[in-house]
C-alpha cells in the first residue's frame, strides 16, 4: 500500500471534478469502480475508487480517494492497493506508487 494525505483550500466540487477527470484521463486502462457522497451540517465527503492496469507490475491496482470538505477547507486521503503478484507478501509496488504519484501531481496542479 501507498498513502497520500493533503490539506488544501478550494472549491469541493471543482476539486472533485479535477481529480476524477485527471485520474480517468491519466491512463488508458483507468476506470471508475464506485463512489459515495455524504453531506451534513456543511461537511461534505466524497469517496471514489478507481482501478487501472499496471504494465510495469503486470497487475491491476486500485486507488481509493476520500475528499472531505467544510467551506473551502479540503482534506484528501488516498490509498492504493493490489500492486503485487506474491501470495504472502508484496514483492513490488511499482504500480501502486505510480498511481499515487499521478494523483499527487493532480493535487499539486489544482488551483482552487
PDB file of N, CA and C in Angstrom:
ATOM      1  N   UNK A   1       0.832  -1.183   0.000  1.00  0.00           N
ATOM      2  CA  UNK A   1       0.000   0.000   0.000  1.00  0.00           C
ATOM      3  C   UNK A   1       0.873   1.241   0.000  1.00  0.00           C
ATOM      4  N   UNK A   2       0.359   2.261  -0.636  1.00  0.00           N
ATOM      5  CA  UNK A   2       0.970   3.576  -0.599  1.00  0.00           C
ATOM      6  C   UNK A   2      -0.133   4.555  -0.216  1.00  0.00           C
ATOM      7  N   UNK A   3       0.232   5.610   0.499  1.00  0.00           N
ATOM      8  CA  UNK A   3      -0.782   6.535   1.014  1.00  0.00           C
ATOM      9  C   UNK A   3      -0.343   7.969   0.785  1.00  0.00           C
ATOM     10  N   UNK A   4      -1.324   8.829   0.504  1.00  0.00           N
ATOM     11  CA  UNK A   4      -1.109  10.256   0.323  1.00  0.00           C
ATOM     12  C   UNK A   4      -2.185  10.998   1.096  1.00  0.00           C
ATOM     13  N   UNK A   5      -1.789  11.987   1.876  1.00  0.00           N
ATOM     14  CA  UNK A   5      -2.752  12.840   2.571  1.00  0.00           C
ATOM     15  C   UNK A   5      -2.330  14.286   2.393  1.00  0.00           C
ATOM     16  N   UNK A   6      -3.306  15.127   2.048  1.00  0.00           N
ATOM     17  CA  UNK A   6      -3.027  16.541   1.821  1.00  0.00           C
ATOM     18  C   UNK A   6      -4.175  17.400   2.317  1.00  0.00           C
ATOM     19  N   UNK A   7      -3.840  18.529   2.908  1.00  0.00           N
ATOM     20  CA  UNK A   7      -4.809  19.569   3.242  1.00  0.00           C
ATOM     21  C   UNK A   7      -4.624  20.686   2.237  1.00  0.00           C
ATOM     22  N   UNK A   8      -5.726  21.249   1.764  1.00  0.00           N
ATOM     23  CA  UNK A   8      -5.639  22.340   0.810  1.00  0.00           C
ATOM     24  C   UNK A   8      -6.902  23.177   0.879  1.00  0.00           C
ATOM     25  N   UNK A   9      -6.920  24.249   0.104  1.00  0.00           N
ATOM     26  CA  UNK A   9      -8.054  25.158   0.067  1.00  0.00           C
ATOM     27  C   UNK A   9      -8.600  25.205  -1.351  1.00  0.00           C
ATOM     28  N   UNK A  10      -9.918  25.180  -1.468  1.00  0.00           N
ATOM     29  CA  UNK A  10     -10.529  25.275  -2.789  1.00  0.00           C
ATOM     30  C   UNK A  10     -11.994  24.934  -2.747  1.00  0.00           C
ATOM     31  N   UNK A  11     -12.576  24.854  -3.928  1.00  0.00           N
ATOM     32  CA  UNK A  11     -13.982  24.517  -4.077  1.00  0.00           C
ATOM     33  C   UNK A  11     -14.128  22.998  -4.147  1.00  0.00           C
ATOM     34  N   UNK A  12     -14.956  22.432  -3.298  1.00  0.00           N
ATOM     35  CA  UNK A  12     -15.120  20.985  -3.201  1.00  0.00           C
ATOM     36  C   UNK A  12     -15.485  20.363  -4.558  1.00  0.00           C
ATOM     37  N   UNK A  13     -16.502  20.921  -5.213  1.00  0.00           N
ATOM     38  CA  UNK A  13     -16.967  20.340  -6.477  1.00  0.00           C
ATOM     39  C   UNK A  13     -15.913  20.416  -7.574  1.00  0.00           C
ATOM     40  N   UNK A  14     -15.234  21.560  -7.676  1.00  0.00           N
ATOM     41  CA  UNK A  14     -14.235  21.683  -8.737  1.00  0.00           C
ATOM     42  C   UNK A  14     -13.021  20.793  -8.450  1.00  0.00           C
ATOM     43  N   UNK A  15     -12.662  20.642  -7.185  1.00  0.00           N
ATOM     44  CA  UNK A  15     -11.540  19.765  -6.845  1.00  0.00           C
ATOM     45  C   UNK A  15     -11.883  18.308  -7.141  1.00  0.00           C
ATOM     46  N   UNK A  16     -13.091  17.886  -6.760  1.00  0.00           N
ATOM     47  CA  UNK A  16     -13.533  16.525  -7.042  1.00  0.00           C
ATOM     48  C   UNK A  16     -13.549  16.265  -8.550  1.00  0.00           C
ATOM     49  N   UNK A  17     -14.062  17.204  -9.335  1.00  0.00           N
ATOM     50  CA  UNK A  17     -14.093  17.048 -10.792  1.00  0.00           C
ATOM     51  C   UNK A  17     -12.677  17.003 -11.363  1.00  0.00           C
ATOM     52  N   UNK A  18     -11.782  17.828 -10.831  1.00  0.00           N
ATOM     53  CA  UNK A  18     -10.378  17.851 -11.271  1.00  0.00           C
ATOM     54  C   UNK A  18      -9.721  16.498 -11.027  1.00  0.00           C
ATOM     55  N   UNK A  19      -9.933  15.933  -9.863  1.00  0.00           N
ATOM     56  CA  UNK A  19      -9.347  14.619  -9.528  1.00  0.00           C
ATOM     57  C   UNK A  19      -9.961  13.533 -10.397  1.00  0.00           C
ATOM     58  N   UNK A  20     -11.273  13.525 -10.502  1.00  0.00           N
ATOM     59  CA  UNK A  20     -11.959  12.498 -11.284  1.00  0.00           C
ATOM     60  C   UNK A  20     -11.503  12.518 -12.748  1.00  0.00           C
ATOM     61  N   UNK A  21     -11.522  13.681 -13.343  1.00  0.00           N
ATOM     62  CA  UNK A  21     -11.141  13.804 -14.751  1.00  0.00           C
ATOM     63  C   UNK A  21      -9.660  13.460 -14.940  1.00  0.00           C
ATOM     64  N   UNK A  22      -8.815  13.914 -14.025  1.00  0.00           N
ATOM     65  CA  UNK A  22      -7.385  13.671 -14.137  1.00  0.00           C
ATOM     66  C   UNK A  22      -7.004  12.212 -13.997  1.00  0.00           C
ATOM     67  N   UNK A  23      -7.627  11.527 -13.057  1.00  0.00           N
ATOM     68  CA  UNK A  23      -7.327  10.096 -12.861  1.00  0.00           C
ATOM     69  C   UNK A  23      -7.786   9.298 -14.080  1.00  0.00           C
ATOM     70  N   UNK A  24      -8.990   9.577 -14.551  1.00  0.00           N
ATOM     71  CA  UNK A  24      -9.540   8.799 -15.667  1.00  0.00           C
ATOM     72  C   UNK A  24      -8.842   9.084 -16.993  1.00  0.00           C
ATOM     73  N   UNK A  25      -8.358  10.291 -17.177  1.00  0.00           N
ATOM     74  CA  UNK A  25      -7.666  10.607 -18.424  1.00  0.00           C
ATOM     75  C   UNK A  25      -6.165  10.317 -18.341  1.00  0.00           C
ATOM     76  N   UNK A  26      -5.684   9.966 -17.163  1.00  0.00           N
ATOM     77  CA  UNK A  26      -4.257   9.746 -16.963  1.00  0.00           C
ATOM     78  C   UNK A  26      -3.760   8.391 -17.402  1.00  0.00           C
ATOM     79  N   UNK A  27      -4.658   7.478 -17.703  1.00  0.00           N
ATOM     80  CA  UNK A  27      -4.265   6.137 -18.120  1.00  0.00           C
ATOM     81  C   UNK A  27      -5.369   5.552 -18.986  1.00  0.00           C
ATOM     82  N   UNK A  28      -4.989   4.912 -20.065  1.00  0.00           N
ATOM     83  CA  UNK A  28      -5.980   4.314 -20.963  1.00  0.00           C
ATOM     84  C   UNK A  28      -6.779   3.208 -20.271  1.00  0.00           C
ATOM     85  N   UNK A  29      -6.191   2.576 -19.260  1.00  0.00           N
ATOM     86  CA  UNK A  29      -6.881   1.478 -18.579  1.00  0.00           C
ATOM     87  C   UNK A  29      -7.577   1.905 -17.289  1.00  0.00           C
ATOM     88  N   UNK A  30      -7.518   3.196 -16.946  1.00  0.00           N
ATOM     89  CA  UNK A  30      -8.141   3.670 -15.707  1.00  0.00           C
ATOM     90  C   UNK A  30      -9.658   3.606 -15.810  1.00  0.00           C
ATOM     91  N   UNK A  31     -10.283   3.189 -14.720  1.00  0.00           N
ATOM     92  CA  UNK A  31     -11.738   3.118 -14.672  1.00  0.00           C
ATOM     93  C   UNK A  31     -12.242   3.560 -13.309  1.00  0.00           C
ATOM     94  N   UNK A  32     -13.459   4.099 -13.317  1.00  0.00           N
ATOM     95  CA  UNK A  32     -14.164   4.453 -12.087  1.00  0.00           C
ATOM     96  C   UNK A  32     -14.919   3.204 -11.650  1.00  0.00           C
ATOM     97  N   UNK A  33     -14.644   2.712 -10.460  1.00  0.00           N
ATOM     98  CA  UNK A  33     -15.285   1.496  -9.977  1.00  0.00           C
ATOM     99  C   UNK A  33     -16.548   1.785  -9.182  1.00  0.00           C
ATOM    100  N   UNK A  34     -16.494   2.741  -8.271  1.00  0.00           N
ATOM    101  CA  UNK A  34     -17.676   3.107  -7.493  1.00  0.00           C
ATOM    102  C   UNK A  34     -17.366   4.347  -6.672  1.00  0.00           C
ATOM    103  N   UNK A  35     -18.397   4.931  -6.107  1.00  0.00           N
ATOM    104  CA  UNK A  35     -18.227   6.125  -5.295  1.00  0.00           C
ATOM    105  C   UNK A  35     -19.376   6.304  -4.336  1.00  0.00           C
ATOM    106  N   UNK A  36     -19.183   7.205  -3.399  1.00  0.00           N
ATOM    107  CA  UNK A  36     -20.205   7.504  -2.405  1.00  0.00           C
ATOM    108  C   UNK A  36     -20.061   8.964  -1.994  1.00  0.00           C
ATOM    109  N   UNK A  37     -21.183   9.629  -1.774  1.00  0.00           N
ATOM    110  CA  UNK A  37     -21.182  11.028  -1.349  1.00  0.00           C
ATOM    111  C   UNK A  37     -22.041  11.181  -0.103  1.00  0.00           C
ATOM    112  N   UNK A  38     -21.598  12.063   0.774  1.00  0.00           N
ATOM    113  CA  UNK A  38     -22.322  12.315   2.014  1.00  0.00           C
ATOM    114  C   UNK A  38     -22.189  13.794   2.347  1.00  0.00           C
ATOM    115  N   UNK A  39     -23.246  14.363   2.959  1.00  0.00           N
ATOM    116  CA  UNK A  39     -23.224  15.769   3.344  1.00  0.00           C
ATOM    117  C   UNK A  39     -24.100  15.970   4.560  1.00  0.00           C
ATOM    118  N   UNK A  40     -23.587  16.722   5.522  1.00  0.00           N
ATOM    119  CA  UNK A  40     -24.386  17.067   6.696  1.00  0.00           C
ATOM    120  C   UNK A  40     -23.751  18.258   7.408  1.00  0.00           C
ATOM    121  N   UNK A  41     -24.580  19.235   7.735  1.00  0.00           N
ATOM    122  CA  UNK A  41     -24.167  20.409   8.502  1.00  0.00           C
ATOM    123  C   UNK A  41     -22.910  21.063   7.939  1.00  0.00           C
ATOM    124  N   UNK A  42     -22.869  21.219   6.630  1.00  0.00           N
ATOM    125  CA  UNK A  42     -21.765  21.922   5.989  1.00  0.00           C
ATOM    126  C   UNK A  42     -20.513  21.102   5.744  1.00  0.00           C
ATOM    127  N   UNK A  43     -20.532  19.850   6.110  1.00  0.00           N
ATOM    128  CA  UNK A  43     -19.392  18.959   5.865  1.00  0.00           C
ATOM    129  C   UNK A  43     -19.763  18.027   4.722  1.00  0.00           C
ATOM    130  N   UNK A  44     -18.857  17.926   3.745  1.00  0.00           N
ATOM    131  CA  UNK A  44     -19.080  17.035   2.601  1.00  0.00           C
ATOM    132  C   UNK A  44     -17.981  15.990   2.536  1.00  0.00           C
ATOM    133  N   UNK A  45     -18.364  14.798   2.123  1.00  0.00           N
ATOM    134  CA  UNK A  45     -17.408  13.700   1.959  1.00  0.00           C
ATOM    135  C   UNK A  45     -17.705  13.007   0.635  1.00  0.00           C
ATOM    136  N   UNK A  46     -16.657  12.791  -0.143  1.00  0.00           N
ATOM    137  CA  UNK A  46     -16.769  12.021  -1.388  1.00  0.00           C
ATOM    138  C   UNK A  46     -15.725  10.919  -1.343  1.00  0.00           C
ATOM    139  N   UNK A  47     -16.157   9.704  -1.608  1.00  0.00           N
ATOM    140  CA  UNK A  47     -15.248   8.556  -1.682  1.00  0.00           C
ATOM    141  C   UNK A  47     -15.310   8.040  -3.109  1.00  0.00           C
ATOM    142  N   UNK A  48     -14.143   7.844  -3.716  1.00  0.00           N
ATOM    143  CA  UNK A  48     -14.055   7.328  -5.076  1.00  0.00           C
ATOM    144  C   UNK A  48     -13.056   6.182  -5.112  1.00  0.00           C
ATOM    145  N   UNK A  49     -13.403   5.155  -5.882  1.00  0.00           N
ATOM    146  CA  UNK A  49     -12.484   4.029  -6.083  1.00  0.00           C
ATOM    147  C   UNK A  49     -12.223   3.906  -7.579  1.00  0.00           C
ATOM    148  N   UNK A  50     -10.948   3.972  -7.930  1.00  0.00           N
ATOM    149  CA  UNK A  50     -10.504   3.845  -9.312  1.00  0.00           C
ATOM    150  C   UNK A  50      -9.621   2.605  -9.414  1.00  0.00           C
ATOM    151  N   UNK A  51      -9.493   2.125 -10.645  1.00  0.00           N
ATOM    152  CA  UNK A  51      -8.634   0.975 -10.868  1.00  0.00           C
ATOM    153  C   UNK A  51      -7.941   1.160 -12.212  1.00  0.00           C
ATOM    154  N   UNK A  52      -6.736   0.614 -12.345  1.00  0.00           N
ATOM    155  CA  UNK A  52      -6.051   0.632 -13.631  1.00  0.00           C
ATOM    156  C   UNK A  52      -5.085  -0.535 -13.710  1.00  0.00           C
ATOM    157  N   UNK A  53      -4.682  -0.833 -14.916  1.00  0.00           N
ATOM    158  CA  UNK A  53      -3.705  -1.893 -15.136  1.00  0.00           C
ATOM    159  C   UNK A  53      -2.317  -1.287 -15.079  1.00  0.00           C
ATOM    160  N   UNK A  54      -1.419  -1.936 -14.346  1.00  0.00           N
ATOM    161  CA  UNK A  54      -0.030  -1.507 -14.245  1.00  0.00           C
ATOM    162  C   UNK A  54       0.812  -2.393 -15.154  1.00  0.00           C
ATOM    163  N   UNK A  55       1.315  -1.826 -16.229  1.00  0.00           N
ATOM    164  CA  UNK A  55       2.140  -2.582 -17.173  1.00  0.00           C
ATOM    165  C   UNK A  55       3.424  -3.045 -16.502  1.00  0.00           C
ATOM    166  N   UNK A  56       4.064  -2.141 -15.772  1.00  0.00           N
ATOM    167  CA  UNK A  56       5.324  -2.484 -15.113  1.00  0.00           C
ATOM    168  C   UNK A  56       5.136  -3.591 -14.078  1.00  0.00           C
ATOM    169  N   UNK A  57       4.073  -3.520 -13.305  1.00  0.00           N
ATOM    170  CA  UNK A  57       3.813  -4.538 -12.290  1.00  0.00           C
ATOM    171  C   UNK A  57       3.037  -5.735 -12.819  1.00  0.00           C
ATOM    172  N   UNK A  58       2.523  -5.617 -14.043  1.00  0.00           N
ATOM    173  CA  UNK A  58       1.721  -6.659 -14.675  1.00  0.00           C
ATOM    174  C   UNK A  58       0.544  -7.108 -13.805  1.00  0.00           C
ATOM    175  N   UNK A  59      -0.181  -6.127 -13.260  1.00  0.00           N
ATOM    176  CA  UNK A  59      -1.327  -6.430 -12.411  1.00  0.00           C
ATOM    177  C   UNK A  59      -2.272  -5.226 -12.376  1.00  0.00           C
ATOM    178  N   UNK A  60      -3.408  -5.395 -11.730  1.00  0.00           N
ATOM    179  CA  UNK A  60      -4.335  -4.278 -11.568  1.00  0.00           C
ATOM    180  C   UNK A  60      -4.104  -3.640 -10.199  1.00  0.00           C
ATOM    181  N   UNK A  61      -4.269  -2.336 -10.167  1.00  0.00           N
ATOM    182  CA  UNK A  61      -4.039  -1.562  -8.955  1.00  0.00           C
ATOM    183  C   UNK A  61      -5.270  -0.704  -8.692  1.00  0.00           C
ATOM    184  N   UNK A  62      -5.694  -0.633  -7.442  1.00  0.00           N
ATOM    185  CA  UNK A  62      -6.833   0.220  -7.108  1.00  0.00           C
ATOM    186  C   UNK A  62      -6.359   1.445  -6.330  1.00  0.00           C
ATOM    187  N   UNK A  63      -7.138   2.510  -6.459  1.00  0.00           N
ATOM    188  CA  UNK A  63      -6.863   3.772  -5.776  1.00  0.00           C
ATOM    189  C   UNK A  63      -8.154   4.223  -5.116  1.00  0.00           C
ATOM    190  N   UNK A  64      -8.133   4.336  -3.792  1.00  0.00           N
ATOM    191  CA  UNK A  64      -9.273   4.807  -3.022  1.00  0.00           C
ATOM    192  C   UNK A  64      -8.988   6.259  -2.639  1.00  0.00           C
ATOM    193  N   UNK A  65      -9.859   7.168  -3.056  1.00  0.00           N
ATOM    194  CA  UNK A  65      -9.692   8.597  -2.779  1.00  0.00           C
ATOM    195  C   UNK A  65     -10.858   9.067  -1.926  1.00  0.00           C
ATOM    196  N   UNK A  66     -10.546   9.697  -0.801  1.00  0.00           N
ATOM    197  CA  UNK A  66     -11.564  10.304   0.057  1.00  0.00           C
ATOM    198  C   UNK A  66     -11.276  11.796   0.138  1.00  0.00           C
ATOM    199  N   UNK A  67     -12.287  12.603  -0.151  1.00  0.00           N
ATOM    200  CA  UNK A  67     -12.162  14.059  -0.045  1.00  0.00           C
ATOM    201  C   UNK A  67     -13.189  14.532   0.968  1.00  0.00           C
ATOM    202  N   UNK A  68     -12.711  15.295   1.938  1.00  0.00           N
ATOM    203  CA  UNK A  68     -13.571  15.864   2.973  1.00  0.00           C
ATOM    204  C   UNK A  68     -13.492  17.375   2.845  1.00  0.00           C
ATOM    205  N   UNK A  69     -14.632  18.032   2.880  1.00  0.00           N
ATOM    206  CA  UNK A  69     -14.640  19.471   2.751  1.00  0.00           C
ATOM    207  C   UNK A  69     -15.592  20.137   3.709  1.00  0.00           C
ATOM    208  N   UNK A  70     -15.145  21.289   4.221  1.00  0.00           N
ATOM    209  CA  UNK A  70     -16.004  22.161   5.030  1.00  0.00           C
ATOM    210  C   UNK A  70     -15.672  23.577   4.597  1.00  0.00           C
ATOM    211  N   UNK A  71     -16.639  24.213   3.938  1.00  0.00           N
ATOM    212  CA  UNK A  71     -16.347  25.504   3.327  1.00  0.00           C
ATOM    213  C   UNK A  71     -15.298  25.295   2.245  1.00  0.00           C
ATOM    214  N   UNK A  72     -14.223  26.077   2.312  1.00  0.00           N
ATOM    215  CA  UNK A  72     -13.145  25.939   1.334  1.00  0.00           C
ATOM    216  C   UNK A  72     -11.973  25.107   1.856  1.00  0.00           C
ATOM    217  N   UNK A  73     -12.106  24.598   3.070  1.00  0.00           N
ATOM    218  CA  UNK A  73     -11.068  23.721   3.627  1.00  0.00           C
ATOM    219  C   UNK A  73     -11.295  22.297   3.139  1.00  0.00           C
ATOM    220  N   UNK A  74     -10.265  21.723   2.525  1.00  0.00           N
ATOM    221  CA  UNK A  74     -10.368  20.384   1.954  1.00  0.00           C
ATOM    222  C   UNK A  74      -9.280  19.479   2.525  1.00  0.00           C
ATOM    223  N   UNK A  75      -9.607  18.220   2.660  1.00  0.00           N
ATOM    224  CA  UNK A  75      -8.640  17.192   3.054  1.00  0.00           C
ATOM    225  C   UNK A  75      -8.788  16.036   2.083  1.00  0.00           C
ATOM    226  N   UNK A  76      -7.669  15.600   1.530  1.00  0.00           N
ATOM    227  CA  UNK A  76      -7.654  14.447   0.639  1.00  0.00           C
ATOM    228  C   UNK A  76      -6.866  13.337   1.312  1.00  0.00           C
ATOM    229  N   UNK A  77      -7.413  12.145   1.297  1.00  0.00           N
ATOM    230  CA  UNK A  77      -6.711  10.948   1.762  1.00  0.00           C
ATOM    231  C   UNK A  77      -6.855   9.897   0.674  1.00  0.00           C
ATOM    232  N   UNK A  78      -5.721   9.364   0.219  1.00  0.00           N
ATOM    233  CA  UNK A  78      -5.743   8.387  -0.869  1.00  0.00           C
ATOM    234  C   UNK A  78      -4.859   7.203  -0.515  1.00  0.00           C
ATOM    235  N   UNK A  79      -5.356   6.008  -0.810  1.00  0.00           N
ATOM    236  CA  UNK A  79      -4.614   4.775  -0.519  1.00  0.00           C
ATOM    237  C   UNK A  79      -4.725   3.864  -1.734  1.00  0.00           C
ATOM    238  N   UNK A  80      -3.588   3.322  -2.148  1.00  0.00           N
ATOM    239  CA  UNK A  80      -3.568   2.359  -3.247  1.00  0.00           C
ATOM    240  C   UNK A  80      -3.439   0.954  -2.691  1.00  0.00           C
ATOM    241  N   UNK A  81      -3.848  -0.022  -3.495  1.00  0.00           N
ATOM    242  CA  UNK A  81      -3.666  -1.423  -3.105  1.00  0.00           C
ATOM    243  C   UNK A  81      -3.691  -2.293  -4.352  1.00  0.00           C
ATOM    244  N   UNK A  82      -3.223  -3.517  -4.180  1.00  0.00           N
ATOM    245  CA  UNK A  82      -3.296  -4.500  -5.238  1.00  0.00           C
ATOM    246  C   UNK A  82      -2.068  -4.634  -6.087  1.00  0.00           C
ATOM    247  N   UNK A  83      -1.010  -3.915  -5.768  1.00  0.00           N
ATOM    248  CA  UNK A  83       0.158  -3.899  -6.635  1.00  0.00           C
ATOM    249  C   UNK A  83       1.184  -4.964  -6.358  1.00  0.00           C
ATOM    250  N   UNK A  84       0.796  -6.207  -6.244  1.00  0.00           N
ATOM    251  CA  UNK A  84       1.777  -7.267  -6.031  1.00  0.00           C
ATOM    252  C   UNK A  84       1.288  -8.563  -6.637  1.00  0.00           C
ATOM    253  N   UNK A  85       2.234  -9.421  -6.962  1.00  0.00           N
ATOM    254  CA  UNK A  85       1.894 -10.725  -7.503  1.00  0.00           C
ATOM    255  C   UNK A  85       2.194 -11.849  -6.524  1.00  0.00           C
ATOM    256  N   UNK A  86       2.814 -11.535  -5.414  1.00  0.00           N
ATOM    257  CA  UNK A  86       3.196 -12.563  -4.443  1.00  0.00           C
ATOM    258  C   UNK A  86       1.984 -13.039  -3.649  1.00  0.00           C
ATOM    259  N   UNK A  87       2.084 -14.238  -3.114  1.00  0.00           N
ATOM    260  CA  UNK A  87       0.963 -14.811  -2.378  1.00  0.00           C
ATOM    261  C   UNK A  87       0.929 -14.322  -0.925  1.00  0.00           C
ATOM    262  N   UNK A  88       2.074 -14.213  -0.263  1.00  0.00           N
ATOM    263  CA  UNK A  88       2.085 -13.911   1.169  1.00  0.00           C
ATOM    264  C   UNK A  88       2.653 -12.547   1.521  1.00  0.00           C
ATOM    265  N   UNK A  89       3.357 -11.880   0.612  1.00  0.00           N
ATOM    266  CA  UNK A  89       3.901 -10.567   0.892  1.00  0.00           C
ATOM    267  C   UNK A  89       4.063  -9.821  -0.424  1.00  0.00           C
ATOM    268  N   UNK A  90       4.247  -8.514  -0.340  1.00  0.00           N
ATOM    269  CA  UNK A  90       4.368  -7.706  -1.548  1.00  0.00           C
ATOM    270  C   UNK A  90       5.812  -7.677  -2.021  1.00  0.00           C
ATOM    271  N   UNK A  91       6.013  -8.045  -3.280  1.00  0.00           N
ATOM    272  CA  UNK A  91       7.370  -8.044  -3.825  1.00  0.00           C
ATOM    273  C   UNK A  91       7.619  -6.862  -4.749  1.00  0.00           C
ATOM    274  N   UNK A  92       6.581  -6.213  -5.234  1.00  0.00           N
ATOM    275  CA  UNK A  92       6.772  -4.973  -5.990  1.00  0.00           C
ATOM    276  C   UNK A  92       5.605  -4.052  -5.725  1.00  0.00           C
ATOM    277  N   UNK A  93       5.900  -2.790  -5.730  1.00  0.00           N
ATOM    278  CA  UNK A  93       4.862  -1.786  -5.502  1.00  0.00           C
ATOM    279  C   UNK A  93       4.916  -0.709  -6.572  1.00  0.00           C
ATOM    280  N   UNK A  94       5.509  -1.040  -7.717  1.00  0.00           N
ATOM    281  CA  UNK A  94       5.683  -0.043  -8.767  1.00  0.00           C
ATOM    282  C   UNK A  94       4.358   0.559  -9.211  1.00  0.00           C
ATOM    283  N   UNK A  95       3.382  -0.285  -9.461  1.00  0.00           N
ATOM    284  CA  UNK A  95       2.084   0.191  -9.945  1.00  0.00           C
ATOM    285  C   UNK A  95       1.365   1.051  -8.937  1.00  0.00           C
ATOM    286  N   UNK A  96       1.421   0.656  -7.671  1.00  0.00           N
ATOM    287  CA  UNK A  96       0.771   1.441  -6.616  1.00  0.00           C
ATOM    288  C   UNK A  96       1.389   2.827  -6.516  1.00  0.00           C
ATOM    289  N   UNK A  97       2.714   2.892  -6.458  1.00  0.00           N
ATOM    290  CA  UNK A  97       3.390   4.171  -6.298  1.00  0.00           C
ATOM    291  C   UNK A  97       3.180   5.063  -7.518  1.00  0.00           C
ATOM    292  N   UNK A  98       3.178   4.472  -8.695  1.00  0.00           N
ATOM    293  CA  UNK A  98       2.954   5.238  -9.919  1.00  0.00           C
ATOM    294  C   UNK A  98       1.552   5.844  -9.943  1.00  0.00           C
ATOM    295  N   UNK A  99       0.546   5.076  -9.550  1.00  0.00           N
ATOM    296  CA  UNK A  99      -0.833   5.560  -9.491  1.00  0.00           C
ATOM    297  C   UNK A  99      -0.929   6.712  -8.486  1.00  0.00           C
ATOM    298  N   UNK A 100      -0.295   6.554  -7.343  1.00  0.00           N
ATOM    299  CA  UNK A 100      -0.327   7.587  -6.316  1.00  0.00           C
ATOM    300  C   UNK A 100       0.454   8.832  -6.752  1.00  0.00           C
ATOM    301  N   UNK A 101       1.561   8.637  -7.446  1.00  0.00           N
ATOM    302  CA  UNK A 101       2.327   9.780  -7.958  1.00  0.00           C
ATOM    303  C   UNK A 101       1.495  10.598  -8.933  1.00  0.00           C
ATOM    304  N   UNK A 102       0.715   9.917  -9.774  1.00  0.00           N
ATOM    305  CA  UNK A 102      -0.164  10.603 -10.716  1.00  0.00           C
ATOM    306  C   UNK A 102      -1.172  11.469  -9.952  1.00  0.00           C
ATOM    307  N   UNK A 103      -1.754  10.917  -8.891  1.00  0.00           N
ATOM    308  CA  UNK A 103      -2.703  11.674  -8.072  1.00  0.00           C
ATOM    309  C   UNK A 103      -2.018  12.848  -7.380  1.00  0.00           C
ATOM    310  N   UNK A 104      -0.835  12.629  -6.856  1.00  0.00           N
ATOM    311  CA  UNK A 104      -0.084  13.695  -6.192  1.00  0.00           C
ATOM    312  C   UNK A 104       0.153  14.861  -7.141  1.00  0.00           C
ATOM    313  N   UNK A 105       0.491  14.565  -8.392  1.00  0.00           N
ATOM    314  CA  UNK A 105       0.688  15.614  -9.383  1.00  0.00           C
ATOM    315  C   UNK A 105      -0.610  16.368  -9.667  1.00  0.00           C
ATOM    316  N   UNK A 106      -1.720  15.653  -9.705  1.00  0.00           N
ATOM    317  CA  UNK A 106      -3.026  16.299  -9.902  1.00  0.00           C
ATOM    318  C   UNK A 106      -3.339  17.273  -8.764  1.00  0.00           C
ATOM    319  N   UNK A 107      -3.061  16.840  -7.535  1.00  0.00           N
ATOM    320  CA  UNK A 107      -3.306  17.701  -6.376  1.00  0.00           C
ATOM    321  C   UNK A 107      -2.405  18.933  -6.457  1.00  0.00           C
ATOM    322  N   UNK A 108      -1.138  18.727  -6.807  1.00  0.00           N
ATOM    323  CA  UNK A 108      -0.209  19.864  -6.935  1.00  0.00           C
ATOM    324  C   UNK A 108      -0.644  20.848  -8.017  1.00  0.00           C
ATOM    325  N   UNK A 109      -1.261  20.344  -9.097  1.00  0.00           N
ATOM    326  CA  UNK A 109      -1.682  21.182 -10.215  1.00  0.00           C
ATOM    327  C   UNK A 109      -2.989  21.918  -9.965  1.00  0.00           C
ATOM    328  N   UNK A 110      -3.741  21.524  -8.938  1.00  0.00           N
ATOM    329  CA  UNK A 110      -5.052  22.126  -8.674  1.00  0.00           C
ATOM    330  C   UNK A 110      -4.887  23.569  -8.217  1.00  0.00           C
ATOM    331  N   UNK A 111      -5.665  24.429  -8.845  1.00  0.00           N
ATOM    332  CA  UNK A 111      -5.684  25.844  -8.458  1.00  0.00           C
ATOM    333  C   UNK A 111      -7.105  26.190  -8.082  1.00  0.00           C
ATOM    334  N   UNK A 112      -7.410  26.139  -6.800  1.00  0.00           N
ATOM    335  CA  UNK A 112      -8.770  26.349  -6.320  1.00  0.00           C
ATOM    336  C   UNK A 112      -9.068  27.758  -6.083  1.00  0.00           C
TER     337      UNK A 112
END
